[in-house]
Amino acid sequence: MRPAPERQSGGAALIDRVVAEAEAARDEIVEFTADLIRIPTVNPPGDLYRECAELIRGRLEEAGMAVQFVTAEGRPEHTPGHPRINVLGRSGDPGARPRLHLNGHFDVVPPGDDWTVDPFGGLVRDGRIYGRGASDMKSGIAAAVFAVEAMRRAGVRLRGGVDVSGTVDEESGGFAGVAYLCETGVISPRNTDFAIIPEPFGPTRVCVGHRGVYWFDIVAHGHTAHGSMSHLGHSAIDDMGALLEAFRKELGPDLAVRRSGLPVVPDPSRRPSLNVNAIVGGQAGESVQSPCVADRCTATFDRRFIPEERFEQVRDEIVRVAKAVEAEQPGRRFTIEDRMTVHPTWAPRGSPVVAALSRAVRTVTGVDAEQVASPGTYDQKHFARIAGVEHCVAYGPGPLEEAHQPDESCAVDDIVTSTQVIALAATELVGSP
């Protein structure tokens, strides 16, 4: 049984109305979440973004918001076949302050295999909704949209305003999504004081920041020869194997003993990590093979680092191991090609948005909010580092551990609870006293 909402001092009647309106919208929230899941906005390549933006626009307009599309003109990802279309709704007087921005990405990763339900069916069963994006993070978008609607239906008067955006490409870095909105001034300190991103951390957790990430490629350069006389060549694949083993033996133990003071969840992610995303070498992917020694092998790495590690240290460790493996055998050569670097990010201590969400969690659920940090990056980095909006956190429905998994799902109760919490926090932050 869900606990009865606790009343804060003052404004108890308004709090009750907001909570009740969100609960009354339960069936609408579930229907909207299912409709979002049924649009397979898979990234890459960025399918059906326009259709999903249109769906969100319709719902925002029904909530009385002024809505516009923001197309990522000039970005290389924005093509006629796969346009990058973001959707933005604004409520209240455009010039009124303070303003709260609720942002969610509507792209999803490919479904992969091993599903027992249709990944884009939006199935609701036994109190859960299933499908790719059910946790990460179409349930969160629904919670944000209906939080604004619950406020409107409850008669909340605004001294500031609430903006809601549905954005693209978070799963591939967010450069045509939130980053583009920040770079073009759609999101800036001139129009945004606070931001909440309803990523899937669960209805009693407030996520205050995330670890850093360093994505890079290492290329092993060999020398080709006929496969029947492989002694005349130098295999780049063999060299890559030696490098991977060196990372495991030499760098792995060092990473295992480092631990962050940032409250990263799950707990093993409080330590830094190095993951091999992909390896391509020789004639990989060719249906017809010829007898050749591989003269090139490329591995893509994902190094997650904690605030206690300097980025210069992170990169220098990679270079040091690569040079040591080169020196072990004549003819070995590696080159490192950087892909992306994101530094650790977290909201300031005492942030009003953290305080408002924490009070709302207590009011709705009857338990104290847990402050956590994310193992992976999300669009907070763009709010903070490009736009300069520091008071940005993540709070939303869904189990983090189900993100990107087969049979991804989210509890309907959690979506409704998160809607109530976001609505109450927004009321505190930008509503009239």
Protein backbone atom coordinates (compact mmCIF):
# COMPACT_ATOMS: atom_id res chain seq x y z
CA MET A 1 0.00 0.00 0.00
CA ARG A 2 1.29 3.48 -0.87
CA PRO A 3 1.76 5.75 2.18
CA ALA A 4 -0.48 8.78 2.57
CA PRO A 5 1.35 12.02 1.68
CA GLU A 6 2.83 13.90 4.62
CA ARG A 7 1.78 17.52 4.84
CA GLN A 8 4.38 20.27 4.98
CA SER A 9 3.66 23.29 7.12
CA GLY A 10 1.65 25.87 5.19
CA GLY A 11 -0.04 25.31 1.86
CA ALA A 12 -1.28 21.88 2.90
CA ALA A 13 -4.43 22.19 0.81
CA LEU A 14 -2.42 23.05 -2.31
CA ILE A 15 -0.03 20.18 -1.67
CA ASP A 16 -2.96 17.79 -1.34
CA ARG A 17 -4.49 19.06 -4.59
CA VAL A 18 -1.25 18.66 -6.54
CA VAL A 19 -0.69 15.14 -5.22
CA ALA A 20 -4.32 14.19 -5.89
CA GLU A 21 -4.27 15.54 -9.45
CA ALA A 22 -1.17 13.51 -10.28
CA GLU A 23 -2.81 10.38 -8.87
CA ALA A 24 -6.01 11.09 -10.80
CA ALA A 25 -3.96 11.26 -14.01
CA ARG A 26 -2.53 7.75 -13.46
CA ASP A 27 -4.20 6.18 -16.51
CA GLU A 28 -3.22 9.14 -18.71
CA ILE A 29 0.38 8.95 -17.51
CA VAL A 30 0.56 5.24 -18.32
CA GLU A 31 -1.04 5.74 -21.73
CA PHE A 32 1.38 8.53 -22.63
CA THR A 33 4.37 6.45 -21.47
CA ALA A 34 3.19 3.51 -23.59
CA ASP A 35 2.70 5.77 -26.61
CA LEU A 36 6.27 7.05 -26.24
CA ILE A 37 7.66 3.50 -25.99
CA ARG A 38 5.77 2.48 -29.13
CA ILE A 39 7.80 4.96 -31.18
CA PRO A 40 11.17 3.18 -31.64
CA THR A 41 13.48 6.19 -31.42
CA VAL A 42 16.59 4.04 -31.70
CA ASN A 43 19.96 5.79 -31.58
CA PRO A 44 22.01 5.13 -33.57
CA PRO A 45 20.90 6.09 -36.15
CA GLY A 46 18.18 8.35 -34.69
CA ASP A 47 14.94 6.87 -35.97
CA LEU A 48 11.52 8.55 -35.78
CA TYR A 49 12.63 11.60 -33.83
CA ARG A 50 10.10 13.82 -35.58
CA GLU A 51 7.22 11.49 -34.73
CA CYS A 52 8.19 11.40 -31.05
CA ALA A 53 8.67 15.18 -30.92
CA GLU A 54 5.19 15.60 -32.42
CA LEU A 55 3.68 13.34 -29.75
CA ILE A 56 5.35 15.30 -26.96
CA ARG A 57 4.35 18.61 -28.54
CA GLY A 58 0.71 17.58 -28.57
CA ARG A 59 0.78 16.67 -24.90
CA LEU A 60 2.55 19.91 -23.93
CA GLU A 61 0.05 21.98 -25.88
CA GLU A 62 -2.78 20.23 -24.05
CA ALA A 63 -1.10 21.37 -20.82
CA GLY A 64 -1.33 24.97 -22.05
CA MET A 65 2.34 25.44 -22.87
CA ALA A 66 3.78 27.47 -25.75
CA VAL A 67 5.67 24.87 -27.80
CA GLN A 68 8.40 25.05 -30.43
CA PHE A 69 10.71 22.67 -32.27
CA VAL A 70 14.45 23.35 -32.01
CA THR A 71 16.24 21.65 -34.89
CA ALA A 72 19.99 21.08 -34.54
CA GLU A 73 20.95 22.96 -37.70
CA GLY A 74 24.60 22.62 -38.60
CA ARG A 75 25.23 19.50 -36.54
CA PRO A 76 26.68 16.61 -38.58
CA GLU A 77 24.14 14.23 -37.03
CA HIS A 78 21.25 16.31 -38.43
CA THR A 79 20.47 14.85 -41.87
CA PRO A 80 17.38 14.71 -44.11
CA GLY A 81 17.01 11.00 -43.34
CA HIS A 82 17.52 11.41 -39.59
CA PRO A 83 16.69 14.96 -38.54
CA ARG A 84 17.62 16.00 -35.03
CA ILE A 85 14.45 17.65 -33.72
CA ASN A 86 14.14 18.76 -30.11
CA VAL A 87 10.84 19.95 -28.62
CA LEU A 88 10.47 22.71 -26.02
CA GLY A 89 7.42 23.90 -24.08
CA ARG A 90 7.30 27.00 -21.90
CA SER A 91 4.71 27.97 -19.28
CA GLY A 92 4.19 31.21 -17.40
CA ASP A 93 5.45 34.65 -18.34
CA PRO A 94 8.60 34.13 -20.49
CA GLY A 95 10.39 36.86 -18.57
CA ALA A 96 9.33 35.76 -15.09
CA ARG A 97 11.88 34.30 -12.69
CA PRO A 98 12.77 31.91 -11.26
CA ARG A 99 12.41 29.32 -14.02
CA LEU A 100 12.67 25.54 -13.72
CA HIS A 101 13.62 23.40 -16.72
CA LEU A 102 12.47 19.77 -16.86
CA ASN A 103 14.43 17.87 -19.50
CA GLY A 104 14.27 14.30 -20.79
CA HIS A 105 15.87 12.57 -23.76
CA PHE A 106 13.60 10.49 -25.97
CA ASP A 107 16.26 8.54 -27.87
CA VAL A 108 16.83 4.94 -26.80
CA VAL A 109 19.57 2.39 -27.39
CA PRO A 110 18.94 -0.55 -29.77
CA PRO A 111 16.85 -3.27 -28.11
CA GLY A 112 19.31 -6.13 -28.55
CA ASP A 113 18.32 -9.76 -28.04
CA ASP A 114 16.77 -11.94 -25.30
CA TRP A 115 13.51 -10.05 -24.88
CA THR A 116 10.45 -12.01 -23.79
CA VAL A 117 8.08 -9.14 -24.70
CA ASP A 118 7.87 -6.77 -27.65
CA PRO A 119 10.52 -4.10 -26.91
CA PHE A 120 8.33 -1.47 -28.53
CA GLY A 121 4.93 -2.78 -27.48
CA GLY A 122 4.41 -0.65 -24.38
CA LEU A 123 2.98 -3.66 -22.53
CA VAL A 124 1.45 -2.99 -19.10
CA ARG A 125 1.34 -6.08 -16.90
CA ASP A 126 1.16 -6.65 -13.14
CA GLY A 127 1.72 -2.98 -12.35
CA ARG A 128 4.74 -2.52 -14.62
CA ILE A 129 5.21 -1.07 -18.09
CA TYR A 130 7.67 -2.82 -20.41
CA GLY A 131 9.71 -1.75 -23.41
CA ARG A 132 12.91 -0.11 -24.53
CA GLY A 133 12.93 3.27 -22.80
CA ALA A 134 10.48 2.22 -20.07
CA SER A 135 13.17 2.99 -17.51
CA ASP A 136 15.63 5.08 -19.52
CA MET A 137 13.78 7.39 -19.81
CA LYS A 138 10.36 7.68 -21.42
CA SER A 139 8.66 7.13 -18.07
CA GLY A 140 10.65 10.12 -16.84
CA ILE A 141 9.43 12.28 -19.71
CA ALA A 142 5.84 11.31 -18.88
CA ALA A 143 6.43 12.19 -15.22
CA ALA A 144 7.82 15.61 -16.14
CA VAL A 145 5.00 16.43 -18.55
CA PHE A 146 2.26 15.36 -16.15
CA ALA A 147 3.93 17.12 -13.23
CA VAL A 148 3.26 20.37 -15.08
CA GLU A 149 -0.26 19.21 -15.91
CA ALA A 150 -0.95 18.29 -12.27
CA MET A 151 0.17 21.75 -11.21
CA ARG A 152 -2.14 23.34 -13.78
CA ARG A 153 -5.12 21.20 -12.77
CA ALA A 154 -4.47 21.92 -9.09
CA GLY A 155 -4.51 25.65 -9.78
CA VAL A 156 -0.89 26.37 -8.89
CA ARG A 157 -0.07 30.01 -9.59
CA LEU A 158 3.44 30.68 -10.85
CA ARG A 159 5.70 33.50 -9.80
CA GLY A 160 8.22 32.15 -12.31
CA GLY A 161 7.80 29.48 -14.95
CA VAL A 162 8.37 25.86 -15.91
CA ASP A 163 9.91 24.72 -19.19
CA VAL A 164 9.80 21.13 -20.47
CA SER A 165 12.07 19.80 -23.22
CA GLY A 166 12.28 16.48 -25.00
CA THR A 167 15.72 16.17 -26.56
CA VAL A 168 17.68 13.83 -28.82
CA ASP A 169 20.92 11.90 -28.82
CA GLU A 170 21.69 11.71 -25.09
CA GLU A 171 22.74 8.10 -25.58
CA SER A 172 25.48 9.25 -27.99
CA GLY A 173 26.60 12.32 -26.06
CA GLY A 174 23.67 14.75 -26.41
CA PHE A 175 25.52 17.09 -28.77
CA ALA A 176 22.51 17.63 -31.05
CA GLY A 177 20.19 17.69 -28.05
CA VAL A 178 20.79 19.44 -24.74
CA ALA A 179 24.28 20.58 -25.74
CA TYR A 180 22.81 22.29 -28.82
CA LEU A 181 20.13 24.00 -26.73
CA CYS A 182 22.81 25.24 -24.35
CA GLU A 183 25.17 26.39 -27.09
CA THR A 184 22.42 28.37 -28.84
CA GLY A 185 21.14 30.02 -25.65
CA VAL A 186 17.82 28.19 -25.51
CA ILE A 187 19.05 27.07 -22.09
CA SER A 188 21.16 29.66 -20.27
CA PRO A 189 21.36 31.47 -16.93
CA ARG A 190 19.31 34.24 -18.56
CA ASN A 191 16.28 31.93 -18.74
CA THR A 192 16.98 28.97 -16.45
CA ASP A 193 17.59 28.91 -12.69
CA PHE A 194 17.04 25.23 -11.91
CA ALA A 195 16.89 21.98 -13.87
CA ILE A 196 15.61 18.48 -13.12
CA ILE A 197 16.37 15.60 -15.47
CA PRO A 198 14.07 12.61 -14.73
CA GLU A 199 16.68 9.91 -15.34
CA PRO A 200 15.92 6.52 -13.71
CA PHE A 201 17.23 6.61 -10.16
CA GLY A 202 13.97 5.67 -8.44
CA PRO A 203 11.34 7.70 -6.58
CA THR A 204 13.32 8.18 -3.35
CA ARG A 205 16.73 9.08 -4.79
CA VAL A 206 18.05 12.49 -5.86
CA CYS A 207 21.09 12.23 -8.12
CA VAL A 208 23.44 15.15 -7.53
CA GLY A 209 26.12 14.39 -10.14
CA HIS A 210 28.07 11.83 -12.14
CA ARG A 211 31.51 10.34 -12.75
CA GLY A 212 33.73 11.46 -15.62
CA VAL A 213 34.31 9.57 -18.85
CA TYR A 214 37.23 9.35 -21.25
CA TRP A 215 36.42 7.56 -24.53
CA PHE A 216 39.37 6.82 -26.79
CA ASP A 217 40.60 4.49 -29.51
CA ILE A 218 43.94 2.72 -29.53
CA VAL A 219 45.20 1.59 -32.92
CA ALA A 220 47.78 -1.17 -33.19
CA HIS A 221 49.84 -0.87 -36.37
CA GLY A 222 51.27 -4.12 -37.76
CA HIS A 223 52.71 -5.32 -41.05
CA THR A 224 50.77 -7.50 -43.47
CA ALA A 225 52.08 -10.68 -45.06
CA HIS A 226 50.72 -13.87 -46.59
CA GLY A 227 48.96 -15.98 -43.97
CA SER A 228 50.97 -19.04 -44.92
CA MET A 229 54.19 -17.12 -44.17
CA SER A 230 52.99 -15.20 -41.13
CA HIS A 231 56.56 -14.95 -39.81
CA LEU A 232 57.15 -12.30 -42.50
CA GLY A 233 54.44 -10.08 -41.05
CA HIS A 234 53.60 -8.50 -37.74
CA SER A 235 50.11 -9.07 -36.40
CA ALA A 236 48.36 -5.98 -35.06
CA ILE A 237 45.79 -8.26 -33.42
CA ASP A 238 48.49 -10.05 -31.41
CA ASP A 239 49.84 -6.68 -30.27
CA MET A 240 46.37 -5.56 -29.20
CA GLY A 241 46.02 -8.76 -27.20
CA ALA A 242 49.26 -7.99 -25.36
CA LEU A 243 48.03 -4.46 -24.61
CA LEU A 244 44.69 -5.67 -23.26
CA GLU A 245 46.48 -8.10 -20.95
CA ALA A 246 48.74 -5.32 -19.71
CA PHE A 247 45.76 -3.13 -18.90
CA ARG A 248 44.21 -6.00 -16.97
CA LYS A 249 47.36 -6.85 -14.99
CA GLU A 250 48.95 -3.44 -14.48
CA LEU A 251 46.16 -0.87 -14.45
CA GLY A 252 43.33 -3.04 -13.14
CA PRO A 253 44.69 -3.52 -9.60
CA ASP A 254 45.33 0.23 -9.24
CA LEU A 255 41.76 1.10 -10.23
CA ALA A 256 40.35 -1.51 -7.85
CA VAL A 257 41.73 0.23 -4.75
CA ARG A 258 40.56 3.74 -5.63
CA ARG A 259 37.21 4.78 -4.18
CA SER A 260 35.26 8.01 -4.55
CA GLY A 261 33.67 10.07 -1.82
CA LEU A 262 30.90 10.88 -4.33
CA PRO A 263 27.90 8.62 -3.48
CA VAL A 264 27.93 6.73 -6.79
CA VAL A 265 25.42 3.89 -7.19
CA PRO A 266 25.59 0.97 -7.46
CA ASP A 267 28.39 0.75 -4.90
CA PRO A 268 31.00 -0.98 -7.13
CA SER A 269 30.81 2.05 -9.42
CA ARG A 270 32.38 4.23 -6.71
CA ARG A 271 35.61 2.84 -8.15
CA PRO A 272 36.97 3.89 -11.55
CA SER A 273 36.78 1.42 -14.42
CA LEU A 274 38.13 0.61 -17.87
CA ASN A 275 35.86 -1.18 -20.35
CA VAL A 276 36.62 -2.33 -23.91
CA ASN A 277 33.66 -1.20 -26.02
CA ALA A 278 34.72 -2.71 -29.33
CA ILE A 279 37.60 -4.34 -31.22
CA VAL A 280 37.99 -4.39 -35.00
CA GLY A 281 41.02 -5.94 -36.64
CA GLY A 282 42.23 -7.46 -39.87
CA GLN A 283 39.37 -8.46 -42.16
CA ALA A 284 36.64 -8.29 -39.52
CA GLY A 285 33.19 -8.06 -41.07
CA GLU A 286 34.26 -9.39 -44.46
CA SER A 287 32.23 -12.37 -45.64
CA VAL A 288 35.09 -13.60 -47.84
CA GLN A 289 38.48 -13.87 -46.19
CA SER A 290 41.93 -13.84 -47.77
CA PRO A 291 45.11 -15.22 -46.13
CA CYS A 292 46.67 -12.07 -44.63
CA VAL A 293 48.37 -11.06 -41.41
CA ALA A 294 46.38 -8.26 -39.80
CA ASP A 295 48.18 -4.94 -40.22
CA ARG A 296 45.69 -2.89 -38.16
CA CYS A 297 43.58 -3.46 -35.07
CA THR A 298 41.49 -0.81 -33.31
CA ALA A 299 40.01 -1.04 -29.84
CA THR A 300 37.60 1.50 -28.37
CA PHE A 301 37.88 2.06 -24.63
CA ASP A 302 35.53 3.55 -22.03
CA ARG A 303 37.45 4.83 -18.98
CA ARG A 304 35.21 6.07 -16.14
CA PHE A 305 37.00 8.29 -13.65
CA ILE A 306 36.09 9.71 -10.27
CA PRO A 307 36.49 13.28 -8.96
CA GLU A 308 39.54 12.23 -6.96
CA GLU A 309 41.40 11.44 -10.22
CA ARG A 310 42.80 14.24 -12.38
CA PHE A 311 42.13 13.77 -16.10
CA GLU A 312 45.83 14.28 -16.86
CA GLN A 313 46.58 11.33 -14.56
CA VAL A 314 43.91 9.21 -16.27
CA ARG A 315 45.35 9.78 -19.74
CA ASP A 316 48.98 9.51 -18.66
CA GLU A 317 48.30 6.04 -17.20
CA ILE A 318 46.95 4.85 -20.55
CA VAL A 319 49.95 6.26 -22.41
CA ARG A 320 52.40 4.76 -19.92
CA VAL A 321 51.03 1.22 -20.30
CA ALA A 322 50.89 1.50 -24.12
CA LYS A 323 54.52 2.65 -24.29
CA ALA A 324 55.64 -0.15 -21.96
CA VAL A 325 53.98 -2.78 -24.18
CA GLU A 326 55.53 -1.20 -27.28
CA ALA A 327 58.98 -1.53 -25.72
CA GLU A 328 58.53 -5.26 -25.09
CA GLN A 329 58.88 -6.22 -28.76
CA PRO A 330 60.51 -4.57 -31.79
CA GLY A 331 58.01 -3.37 -34.38
CA ARG A 332 55.12 -2.76 -31.99
CA ARG A 333 53.43 0.60 -32.42
CA PHE A 334 50.26 2.05 -30.90
CA THR A 335 48.54 5.36 -31.47
CA ILE A 336 45.85 6.87 -29.23
CA GLU A 337 42.95 8.81 -30.69
CA ASP A 338 40.67 10.69 -28.30
CA ARG A 339 36.90 10.48 -28.83
CA MET A 340 35.27 12.32 -25.93
CA THR A 341 36.10 13.59 -22.47
CA VAL A 342 33.52 14.56 -19.84
CA HIS A 343 34.71 15.67 -16.42
CA PRO A 344 32.86 14.69 -13.23
CA THR A 345 29.96 17.03 -12.47
CA TRP A 346 27.86 17.64 -9.37
CA ALA A 347 25.39 20.21 -8.06
CA PRO A 348 26.55 22.74 -5.43
CA ARG A 349 26.12 21.86 -1.78
CA GLY A 350 22.93 23.34 -0.41
CA SER A 351 21.34 23.57 -3.86
CA PRO A 352 17.69 24.72 -3.63
CA VAL A 353 16.64 22.11 -6.21
CA VAL A 354 18.11 19.29 -4.09
CA ALA A 355 16.35 20.65 -1.01
CA ALA A 356 13.00 21.03 -2.79
CA LEU A 357 13.11 17.51 -4.21
CA SER A 358 14.16 16.05 -0.86
CA ARG A 359 11.24 17.72 0.91
CA ALA A 360 8.87 16.55 -1.82
CA VAL A 361 10.13 12.96 -1.55
CA ARG A 362 9.49 13.05 2.19
CA THR A 363 6.02 14.54 1.68
CA VAL A 364 4.91 11.99 -0.92
CA THR A 365 6.63 8.79 0.24
CA GLY A 366 7.13 9.34 3.97
CA VAL A 367 10.84 8.47 3.75
CA ASP A 368 13.95 10.60 3.56
CA ALA A 369 15.49 11.08 0.12
CA GLU A 370 18.84 9.43 -0.55
CA GLN A 371 21.41 11.55 -2.36
CA VAL A 372 23.32 9.53 -4.96
CA ALA A 373 25.58 10.04 -7.97
CA SER A 374 25.43 8.36 -11.37
CA PRO A 375 27.98 5.84 -12.63
CA GLY A 376 27.49 7.17 -16.16
CA THR A 377 27.21 10.68 -17.50
CA TYR A 378 23.96 12.28 -18.56
CA ASP A 379 22.90 15.72 -19.76
CA GLN A 380 23.66 17.44 -16.45
CA LYS A 381 27.15 17.95 -17.88
CA HIS A 382 25.80 20.23 -20.62
CA PHE A 383 23.56 22.24 -18.27
CA ALA A 384 26.50 22.85 -15.94
CA ARG A 385 29.48 23.19 -18.26
CA ILE A 386 28.00 24.77 -21.40
CA ALA A 387 24.99 26.70 -20.11
CA GLY A 388 26.39 27.46 -16.66
CA VAL A 389 23.23 26.21 -14.92
CA GLU A 390 24.77 24.61 -11.83
CA HIS A 391 21.57 23.85 -9.93
CA CYS A 392 20.79 20.78 -12.03
CA VAL A 393 20.11 17.27 -10.74
CA ALA A 394 18.49 14.03 -11.86
CA TYR A 395 15.34 12.65 -10.28
CA GLY A 396 12.94 10.24 -11.94
CA PRO A 397 11.23 6.85 -12.04
CA GLY A 398 12.69 3.53 -13.05
CA PRO A 399 15.33 1.13 -11.77
CA LEU A 400 18.75 2.26 -12.95
CA GLU A 401 19.89 -1.35 -13.24
CA GLU A 402 17.29 -2.07 -15.96
CA ALA A 403 18.53 0.66 -18.29
CA HIS A 404 19.63 -0.85 -21.64
CA GLN A 405 18.63 -4.37 -20.48
CA PRO A 406 16.29 -6.89 -22.16
CA ASP A 407 12.74 -6.68 -20.75
CA GLU A 408 13.39 -3.15 -19.48
CA SER A 409 10.48 -2.02 -17.31
CA CYS A 410 9.25 0.52 -14.78
CA ALA A 411 6.68 0.26 -11.99
CA VAL A 412 3.58 2.33 -12.68
CA ASP A 413 3.48 3.39 -9.01
CA ASP A 414 6.99 4.78 -9.36
CA ILE A 415 6.01 6.89 -12.37
CA VAL A 416 3.05 8.37 -10.50
CA THR A 417 5.12 8.97 -7.34
CA SER A 418 7.82 10.72 -9.36
CA THR A 419 5.18 12.86 -11.05
CA GLN A 420 3.90 13.93 -7.64
CA VAL A 421 7.40 14.66 -6.32
CA ILE A 422 8.44 16.71 -9.36
CA ALA A 423 5.17 18.65 -9.24
CA LEU A 424 5.62 19.50 -5.54
CA ALA A 425 9.27 20.46 -6.01
CA ALA A 426 8.34 22.67 -8.96
CA THR A 427 5.57 24.27 -6.93
CA GLU A 428 8.05 25.11 -4.18
CA LEU A 429 10.70 26.43 -6.57
CA VAL A 430 8.61 28.57 -8.94
CA GLY A 431 5.07 28.73 -7.52
CA SER A 432 3.57 31.75 -5.82
CA PRO A 433 3.71 31.74 -2.00
